[in-house]
N, C-alpha and C. Protein backbone atom coordinates (compact mmCIF):
# COMPACT_ATOMS: atom_id res chain seq x y z
N MET A 1 102.95 80.62 107.08
CA MET A 1 102.79 80.36 105.53
C MET A 1 103.77 79.33 104.89
N VAL A 2 105.44 79.84 105.85
CA VAL A 2 106.04 78.53 105.66
C VAL A 2 105.46 77.23 106.18
N ALA A 3 105.03 77.18 106.59
CA ALA A 3 104.12 75.56 107.34
C ALA A 3 103.35 75.10 106.05
N ALA A 4 102.34 76.25 105.77
CA ALA A 4 100.98 75.67 104.48
C ALA A 4 101.86 75.66 103.13
N LEU A 5 102.80 76.12 102.84
CA LEU A 5 103.96 76.10 101.95
C LEU A 5 104.51 74.48 101.81
N SER A 6 105.47 74.48 102.65
CA SER A 6 106.26 73.15 102.91
C SER A 6 105.85 72.04 102.63
N THR A 7 104.08 72.10 102.85
CA THR A 7 103.25 70.61 102.31
C THR A 7 102.68 70.76 101.01
N LEU A 8 103.66 71.49 100.22
CA LEU A 8 103.79 71.53 98.60
C LEU A 8 104.72 71.28 98.08
N CYS A 9 105.91 71.64 98.13
CA CYS A 9 107.52 72.10 98.20
C CYS A 9 108.10 72.38 99.16
N THR A 10 109.32 72.38 98.96
CA THR A 10 110.05 73.40 100.28
C THR A 10 109.81 74.13 99.94
N ALA A 11 109.90 74.48 101.33
CA ALA A 11 109.87 75.67 101.79
C ALA A 11 110.39 76.29 103.20
N SER A 12 111.34 77.58 102.75
CA SER A 12 111.98 78.38 104.03
C SER A 12 111.58 79.69 104.02
N GLY A 13 111.91 80.36 105.76
CA GLY A 13 111.51 81.41 105.29
C GLY A 13 112.39 82.67 105.97
N ILE A 14 112.35 83.89 105.59
CA ILE A 14 112.80 84.64 106.32
C ILE A 14 112.47 85.29 107.62
N GLU A 15 113.17 85.46 108.41
CA GLU A 15 112.12 85.83 109.83
C GLU A 15 113.43 86.91 110.28
N PRO A 16 113.42 88.10 110.33
CA PRO A 16 114.66 89.36 111.15
C PRO A 16 114.49 88.59 112.52
N GLU A 17 113.02 88.63 112.74
CA GLU A 17 113.17 88.57 114.63
C GLU A 17 113.19 87.73 114.95
N ASN A 18 114.44 87.11 116.19
CA ASN A 18 115.12 86.64 116.54
C ASN A 18 114.12 85.24 117.29
N ARG A 19 113.67 85.42 118.03
CA ARG A 19 112.64 84.60 118.50
C ARG A 19 111.42 83.87 117.71
N ALA A 20 111.20 84.60 116.72
CA ALA A 20 110.02 83.79 115.88
C ALA A 20 110.62 83.03 115.23
N ARG A 21 112.21 83.55 114.75
CA ARG A 21 112.91 82.66 114.11
C ARG A 21 113.72 80.75 114.57
N GLN A 22 113.52 81.28 115.97
CA GLN A 22 114.05 80.43 116.99
C GLN A 22 112.48 79.29 117.10
N HIS A 23 111.47 79.74 116.91
CA HIS A 23 110.24 79.26 117.39
C HIS A 23 110.17 78.39 116.37
N SER A 24 110.28 79.18 114.78
CA SER A 24 110.26 78.16 113.63
C SER A 24 111.35 77.22 113.28
N ALA A 25 112.39 77.47 113.39
CA ALA A 25 113.56 76.36 113.65
C ALA A 25 113.24 75.27 114.81
N SER A 26 112.65 75.80 115.78
CA SER A 26 112.06 74.34 116.71
C SER A 26 110.37 73.62 116.41
N ASN A 27 109.83 74.02 115.17
CA ASN A 27 108.99 73.63 114.55
C ASN A 27 109.44 73.10 113.21
N GLY A 28 110.78 73.34 113.13
CA GLY A 28 111.44 71.92 111.70
C GLY A 28 111.52 72.80 110.83
N PHE A 29 110.84 74.03 110.41
CA PHE A 29 111.17 75.03 109.97
C PHE A 29 112.49 75.85 109.23
N ARG A 30 113.23 75.51 108.32
CA ARG A 30 114.46 76.04 107.98
C ARG A 30 114.12 77.61 107.77
N THR A 31 114.85 78.75 108.71
CA THR A 31 114.72 80.49 108.17
C THR A 31 116.33 80.80 108.02
N TYR A 32 115.92 81.85 107.82
CA TYR A 32 116.99 82.54 107.88
C TYR A 32 116.96 84.41 108.38
N ASP A 33 118.27 84.57 108.46
CA ASP A 33 117.58 86.18 109.52
C ASP A 33 117.77 87.21 108.63
N SER A 34 117.89 86.90 107.31
CA SER A 34 118.00 88.46 106.13
C SER A 34 118.03 87.63 104.87
N VAL A 35 118.15 88.64 103.98
CA VAL A 35 118.31 88.41 102.34
C VAL A 35 119.87 88.31 102.45
N ASP A 36 120.20 88.59 102.54
CA ASP A 36 121.88 88.62 103.05
C ASP A 36 122.18 87.56 103.40
N ASP A 37 121.55 86.96 104.27
CA ASP A 37 122.10 85.52 105.04
C ASP A 37 122.06 84.55 103.41
N VAL A 38 120.79 84.37 102.74
CA VAL A 38 120.66 83.74 102.05
C VAL A 38 121.76 83.90 100.45
N ARG A 39 121.63 85.04 100.51
CA ARG A 39 122.74 85.33 99.27
C ARG A 39 124.13 85.01 100.29
N ASN A 40 124.38 84.77 101.11
CA ASN A 40 126.09 84.43 101.55
C ASN A 40 126.03 82.76 101.40
N ARG A 41 124.50 82.21 101.80
CA ARG A 41 124.74 80.64 101.50
C ARG A 41 124.60 80.13 99.83
N ASP A 42 124.47 81.64 99.37
CA ASP A 42 124.22 81.13 97.64
C ASP A 42 123.46 80.44 97.24
N LEU A 43 121.68 80.64 98.18
CA LEU A 43 120.50 79.86 97.79
C LEU A 43 120.56 80.75 96.15
N TYR A 44 119.21 80.33 95.57
CA TYR A 44 117.95 81.20 94.62
C TYR A 44 116.90 79.87 95.01
N PHE A 45 115.69 80.88 94.87
CA PHE A 45 114.08 80.42 94.66
C PHE A 45 113.56 80.45 93.44
N ASP A 46 112.98 79.57 93.52
CA ASP A 46 111.90 79.66 92.54
C ASP A 46 110.69 80.89 92.14
N ALA A 47 110.46 80.66 93.71
CA ALA A 47 109.46 81.63 94.20
C ALA A 47 109.37 82.00 96.12
N LEU A 48 109.07 83.78 95.30
CA LEU A 48 108.82 84.15 96.47
C LEU A 48 107.94 84.80 97.29
N THR A 49 107.45 84.30 98.76
CA THR A 49 105.86 84.87 99.33
C THR A 49 106.60 86.31 99.60
N LEU A 50 105.56 87.16 99.55
CA LEU A 50 105.49 88.15 100.57
C LEU A 50 104.11 88.73 100.95
N PHE A 51 103.82 88.03 102.43
CA PHE A 51 102.66 87.84 103.12
C PHE A 51 102.42 88.96 103.82
N HIS A 52 101.83 90.00 104.04
CA HIS A 52 101.75 91.41 105.19
C HIS A 52 103.40 91.68 105.48
N VAL A 53 104.08 91.73 103.83
CA VAL A 53 105.74 92.27 104.53
C VAL A 53 106.00 93.73 103.22
N ILE A 54 105.61 93.98 102.42
CA ILE A 54 106.09 95.27 101.98
C ILE A 54 105.42 95.99 102.26
N GLU A 55 104.39 96.35 103.41
CA GLU A 55 104.08 97.47 103.98
C GLU A 55 104.79 98.02 104.87
N HIS A 56 105.62 97.01 105.26
CA HIS A 56 106.60 96.89 106.79
C HIS A 56 108.35 97.66 106.34
N ILE A 57 107.86 97.82 104.64
CA ILE A 57 109.67 97.99 104.38
C ILE A 57 109.64 99.32 104.31
N VAL A 58 110.57 99.90 104.95
CA VAL A 58 110.74 101.40 104.53
C VAL A 58 111.44 102.06 103.05
N ASN A 59 112.56 100.78 102.94
CA ASN A 59 112.92 101.56 101.00
C ASN A 59 112.60 100.39 100.26
N PRO A 60 111.07 100.41 99.93
CA PRO A 60 110.91 98.91 99.03
C PRO A 60 111.66 98.84 97.90
N GLN A 61 112.02 99.88 97.23
CA GLN A 61 113.20 99.98 95.84
C GLN A 61 114.08 98.61 96.28
N GLU A 62 114.96 99.74 97.45
CA GLU A 62 116.50 98.76 97.92
C GLU A 62 115.62 96.99 98.00
N PHE A 63 114.71 97.09 98.80
CA PHE A 63 114.43 95.55 99.14
C PHE A 63 114.05 94.79 97.87
N LEU A 64 113.44 95.35 97.48
CA LEU A 64 112.95 94.55 95.69
C LEU A 64 114.45 94.10 95.23
N LYS A 65 115.09 95.25 95.40
CA LYS A 65 116.57 94.72 94.36
C LYS A 65 117.88 93.69 94.86
N GLU A 66 117.33 93.13 95.97
CA GLU A 66 117.72 92.84 96.94
C GLU A 66 117.00 91.76 96.50
N LEU A 67 116.07 91.93 96.68
CA LEU A 67 115.02 89.75 96.55
C LEU A 67 115.26 89.72 95.12
N LYS A 68 115.77 90.35 94.17
CA LYS A 68 116.07 89.65 93.15
C LYS A 68 117.05 89.03 93.13
N LYS A 69 117.95 89.64 93.58
CA LYS A 69 119.43 88.56 93.64
C LYS A 69 119.19 87.09 94.30
N ILE A 70 117.84 86.81 94.86
CA ILE A 70 118.00 85.42 95.42
C ILE A 70 116.98 84.54 94.85
N LEU A 71 115.96 85.20 94.04
CA LEU A 71 115.26 85.08 92.48
C LEU A 71 116.24 83.94 91.76
N LYS A 72 115.13 82.83 91.32
CA LYS A 72 116.01 82.55 89.88
C LYS A 72 115.66 83.77 88.74
N PRO A 73 115.87 83.12 87.76
CA PRO A 73 116.04 83.32 86.32
C PRO A 73 113.96 83.29 86.17
N ASN A 74 112.94 84.31 85.61
CA ASN A 74 111.70 83.70 86.08
C ASN A 74 111.22 83.22 87.16
N GLY A 75 111.99 83.68 87.81
CA GLY A 75 110.98 83.58 89.31
C GLY A 75 109.99 84.52 89.53
N LEU A 76 108.91 84.40 90.63
CA LEU A 76 107.57 84.62 90.91
C LEU A 76 108.08 85.34 92.07
N ILE A 77 107.52 86.36 92.04
CA ILE A 77 106.90 87.03 93.29
C ILE A 77 105.70 87.18 94.08
N TYR A 78 105.02 86.42 94.48
CA TYR A 78 104.15 86.85 94.92
C TYR A 78 103.22 87.80 96.57
N ILE A 79 103.01 88.97 96.00
CA ILE A 79 102.69 90.04 97.16
C ILE A 79 101.03 90.03 97.09
N GLU A 80 101.08 89.85 99.34
CA GLU A 80 99.48 90.60 100.18
C GLU A 80 100.10 91.53 100.68
N THR A 81 99.37 92.13 100.73
CA THR A 81 99.08 93.68 101.56
C THR A 81 98.19 93.99 101.69
N PRO A 82 97.99 94.87 102.48
CA PRO A 82 96.89 95.57 102.83
C PRO A 82 96.41 96.75 101.93
N ASN A 83 95.34 97.16 101.34
CA ASN A 83 95.12 98.05 100.69
C ASN A 83 94.90 99.50 101.15
N ALA A 84 95.35 100.68 100.65
CA ALA A 84 94.88 101.92 101.16
C ALA A 84 93.89 102.52 100.62
N ASN A 85 93.20 101.99 99.78
CA ASN A 85 91.90 102.26 99.36
C ASN A 85 90.73 101.31 100.10
N ASP A 86 91.34 100.63 101.15
CA ASP A 86 90.40 100.36 102.25
C ASP A 86 89.61 101.05 102.41
N ALA A 87 87.73 100.57 102.34
CA ALA A 87 86.50 101.43 102.47
C ALA A 87 86.31 102.36 103.61
N LEU A 88 86.72 100.93 104.69
CA LEU A 88 87.04 101.76 105.99
C LEU A 88 88.34 102.39 106.75
N LEU A 89 89.20 102.68 105.43
CA LEU A 89 89.85 104.29 105.35
C LEU A 89 89.69 105.21 104.59
N THR A 90 88.72 104.96 103.42
CA THR A 90 88.49 105.92 102.88
C THR A 90 87.00 106.45 102.65
N LYS A 91 86.19 105.24 102.83
CA LYS A 91 85.25 105.71 102.78
C LYS A 91 84.13 106.13 103.80
N TYR A 92 84.34 105.16 105.01
CA TYR A 92 83.93 105.32 106.24
C TYR A 92 85.25 106.61 107.15
N ASP A 93 85.57 106.45 106.82
CA ASP A 93 87.03 107.71 107.54
C ASP A 93 87.09 107.09 108.80
N LEU A 94 87.02 105.71 109.01
CA LEU A 94 87.09 105.45 110.42
C LEU A 94 87.90 105.35 111.47
N LYS A 95 88.28 106.28 112.12
CA LYS A 95 89.44 106.73 113.18
C LYS A 95 90.22 105.38 113.97
N SER A 96 89.55 104.78 114.41
CA SER A 96 90.34 103.43 114.77
C SER A 96 90.65 102.75 113.94
N PHE A 97 89.75 102.54 112.88
CA PHE A 97 90.80 101.68 111.91
C PHE A 97 92.43 102.04 111.45
N GLN A 98 92.14 103.47 111.15
CA GLN A 98 93.19 104.06 110.76
C GLN A 98 94.52 104.16 111.98
N ALA A 99 94.34 103.90 113.06
CA ALA A 99 95.32 103.68 114.09
C ALA A 99 95.69 102.85 113.79
N TYR A 100 94.54 101.89 113.84
CA TYR A 100 95.24 99.89 113.72
C TYR A 100 96.30 99.77 112.67
N THR A 101 95.67 100.63 111.34
CA THR A 101 96.03 100.58 110.32
C THR A 101 97.61 101.13 109.91
N TYR A 102 97.48 102.30 110.24
CA TYR A 102 98.40 102.78 109.95
C TYR A 102 100.02 102.79 111.80
N TRP A 103 99.97 101.78 112.46
CA TRP A 103 100.74 102.13 113.14
C TRP A 103 102.03 102.33 112.90
N SER A 104 102.98 102.41 113.76
CA SER A 104 104.52 102.92 113.38
C SER A 104 105.23 101.82 112.28
N HIS A 105 104.85 100.77 112.37
CA HIS A 105 105.57 99.35 111.96
C HIS A 105 104.61 99.08 110.32
N HIS A 106 104.34 100.09 109.75
CA HIS A 106 103.37 100.10 108.25
C HIS A 106 103.53 101.70 107.64
N PRO A 107 105.19 101.90 107.62
CA PRO A 107 104.71 103.37 106.89
C PRO A 107 104.70 103.35 105.79
N ILE A 108 104.50 102.67 104.82
CA ILE A 108 103.66 102.51 103.59
C ILE A 108 103.11 101.66 103.21
N LEU A 109 101.36 102.27 102.91
CA LEU A 109 100.40 101.14 102.39
C LEU A 109 100.33 101.91 101.20
N TYR A 110 99.54 100.31 100.15
CA TYR A 110 99.25 100.85 98.52
C TYR A 110 97.59 100.73 98.34
N THR A 111 98.13 101.41 96.85
CA THR A 111 96.50 101.14 96.50
C THR A 111 97.27 100.31 95.65
N LYS A 112 96.36 99.60 94.34
CA LYS A 112 96.77 98.65 93.53
C LYS A 112 97.66 98.99 92.39
N GLN A 113 97.44 100.70 92.03
CA GLN A 113 97.96 100.89 91.27
C GLN A 113 99.68 101.22 91.65
N ALA A 114 99.89 101.90 93.11
CA ALA A 114 101.02 102.12 93.26
C ALA A 114 102.13 101.30 93.87
N LEU A 115 100.90 99.60 93.92
CA LEU A 115 101.88 98.52 93.98
C LEU A 115 102.74 98.30 92.40
N SER A 116 101.45 98.22 91.46
CA SER A 116 102.34 97.89 90.08
C SER A 116 103.58 98.88 89.46
N ASP A 117 102.68 100.14 90.30
CA ASP A 117 104.09 100.99 89.61
C ASP A 117 105.51 100.81 90.55
N LEU A 118 105.44 100.89 91.81
CA LEU A 118 106.48 100.31 92.39
C LEU A 118 107.39 99.15 91.19
N LEU A 119 106.84 98.17 91.22
CA LEU A 119 107.42 96.92 90.52
C LEU A 119 107.93 97.29 89.48
N GLU A 120 106.76 97.98 88.48
CA GLU A 120 107.23 98.31 87.10
C GLU A 120 108.20 98.86 87.44
N MET A 121 108.74 99.76 88.44
CA MET A 121 109.68 100.23 88.31
C MET A 121 111.25 100.34 89.09
N ASN A 122 110.54 99.07 89.45
CA ASN A 122 112.13 97.90 89.61
C ASN A 122 112.10 96.58 88.86
N GLY A 123 111.82 96.72 87.60
CA GLY A 123 112.08 96.05 86.72
C GLY A 123 110.95 94.50 86.64
N CYS A 124 109.83 94.55 87.24
CA CYS A 124 109.34 93.05 87.72
C CYS A 124 108.13 93.34 86.05
N THR A 125 108.11 92.45 85.94
CA THR A 125 106.67 91.77 85.22
C THR A 125 105.67 90.95 85.70
N ILE A 126 104.43 92.31 85.77
CA ILE A 126 103.07 92.03 86.40
C ILE A 126 102.52 90.89 85.93
N LEU A 127 101.95 89.35 86.18
CA LEU A 127 101.22 88.81 85.88
C LEU A 127 99.89 89.24 86.10
N GLU A 128 99.64 89.29 88.03
CA GLU A 128 98.08 89.90 88.10
C GLU A 128 98.36 90.39 89.18
N ASN A 129 97.79 91.59 89.10
CA ASN A 129 96.91 92.47 90.83
C ASN A 129 96.05 93.14 90.49
N GLU A 130 95.59 91.27 91.76
CA GLU A 130 93.80 91.62 91.81
C GLU A 130 93.59 91.79 93.64
N GLY A 131 92.50 92.14 93.88
CA GLY A 131 92.46 92.77 94.77
C GLY A 131 91.16 91.68 95.48
N ALA A 132 90.90 91.27 96.84
CA ALA A 132 90.92 90.64 97.49
C ALA A 132 90.51 91.08 98.71
N GLN A 133 88.73 90.76 99.33
CA GLN A 133 88.30 91.16 100.19
C GLN A 133 88.59 90.28 101.35
N ARG A 134 89.39 90.02 102.01
CA ARG A 134 89.68 88.82 103.00
C ARG A 134 88.22 88.63 104.09
N TYR A 135 88.20 90.22 104.57
CA TYR A 135 86.74 89.25 105.80
C TYR A 135 85.60 90.30 105.08
N LYS A 136 84.89 89.45 105.74
CA LYS A 136 83.07 89.57 105.35
C LYS A 136 82.69 90.76 105.67
N LEU A 137 81.17 91.21 105.37
CA LEU A 137 81.07 92.78 105.76
C LEU A 137 80.62 92.69 106.67
N GLY A 138 80.32 91.39 107.96
CA GLY A 138 80.00 91.53 109.35
C GLY A 138 81.04 92.48 110.21
N ASN A 139 83.12 92.20 109.23
CA ASN A 139 83.60 92.82 109.90
C ASN A 139 83.44 94.16 110.07
N HIS A 140 83.18 95.16 108.55
CA HIS A 140 83.76 96.45 108.56
C HIS A 140 82.15 97.07 109.70
N PHE A 141 81.29 96.21 109.39
CA PHE A 141 79.89 96.62 110.79
C PHE A 141 80.83 96.96 112.01
N PHE A 142 81.37 95.33 112.31
CA PHE A 142 82.16 95.44 114.13
C PHE A 142 82.89 96.69 114.28
N TRP A 143 83.76 96.37 113.17
CA TRP A 143 84.60 97.59 113.22
C TRP A 143 83.74 99.48 113.23
N THR A 144 82.96 99.71 112.78
CA THR A 144 81.89 100.59 112.70
C THR A 144 81.28 100.84 113.76
N SER A 145 80.86 99.60 114.27
CA SER A 145 80.00 99.92 115.80
C SER A 145 80.89 99.73 116.73
N GLN A 146 81.51 98.73 116.99
CA GLN A 146 83.20 98.38 118.13
C GLN A 146 84.21 99.21 117.95
N GLY A 147 84.70 100.03 116.88
CA GLY A 147 85.91 100.54 116.65
C GLY A 147 87.02 98.97 117.09
N LYS A 148 87.22 98.18 116.94
CA LYS A 148 88.07 97.36 116.73
C LYS A 148 87.61 96.03 115.93
N PRO A 149 88.80 95.18 116.06
CA PRO A 149 88.89 93.99 114.38
C PRO A 149 87.82 93.01 115.56
N GLY A 150 88.02 91.55 115.00
CA GLY A 150 87.43 90.69 115.48
C GLY A 150 86.18 90.21 114.68
N GLY A 151 85.20 91.32 114.59
CA GLY A 151 83.86 90.87 113.68
C GLY A 151 83.83 89.48 112.75
N HIS A 152 85.35 89.27 111.92
CA HIS A 152 84.65 88.38 111.30
C HIS A 152 85.01 87.25 112.00
N ALA A 153 85.29 87.44 112.89
CA ALA A 153 85.11 85.73 114.17
C ALA A 153 83.81 85.79 115.08
N GLN A 154 83.61 87.63 115.51
CA GLN A 154 82.15 87.33 115.73
C GLN A 154 81.01 87.55 115.28
N TRP A 155 80.64 88.24 114.26
CA TRP A 155 79.84 88.57 113.54
C TRP A 155 80.16 87.96 112.46
N GLN A 156 79.30 86.07 112.03
CA GLN A 156 79.72 85.48 110.61
C GLN A 156 78.76 85.41 109.65
C-alpha cells in the first residue's frame, strides 16, 4: 500500500515485523517499527490507512488512542477490514472459510455497526462507512465447491 500511495503523496508505513520492514527499506520506503517509534520522532500525519490491520489488534481502543496521537488535527483514518457478516461466514456457514478467516491473528472481526461503534466510542467522526465486495461471485462458488481461496483468479 505504501508503494501505491507514494505515487500520490509522501507516504511511509509502520511495520512491526523486522523482515518486512527491511524489505520495504530495501525498496526505498520509509517504515517505522511502531506508533511509539513515530511519536518519538515527533512525526504527525494528515491521513492514516489501515488496510486489513484493525482485525489483528487485540486492544483496538488503545490502538486508536495511540494512532490519534500521530494524526494531525482534522486528519483522516481510512480503515478496510473483513466483514463479520460475510455471506460465506453467516449465510453459508462455510467451515473452511471460517477457519481461514478466524485464524489466530484475527482476534476480532467487525460488522459495519461494530466498527462504527468502536470509532465513535473513541471520539472519531465517521465520514463514511461503506461495504464493498472485493471478489466476484466466482470466488464464493469456488469457496463452496473447493473449500479454499483463489476463485477470483481461477473462475473469472
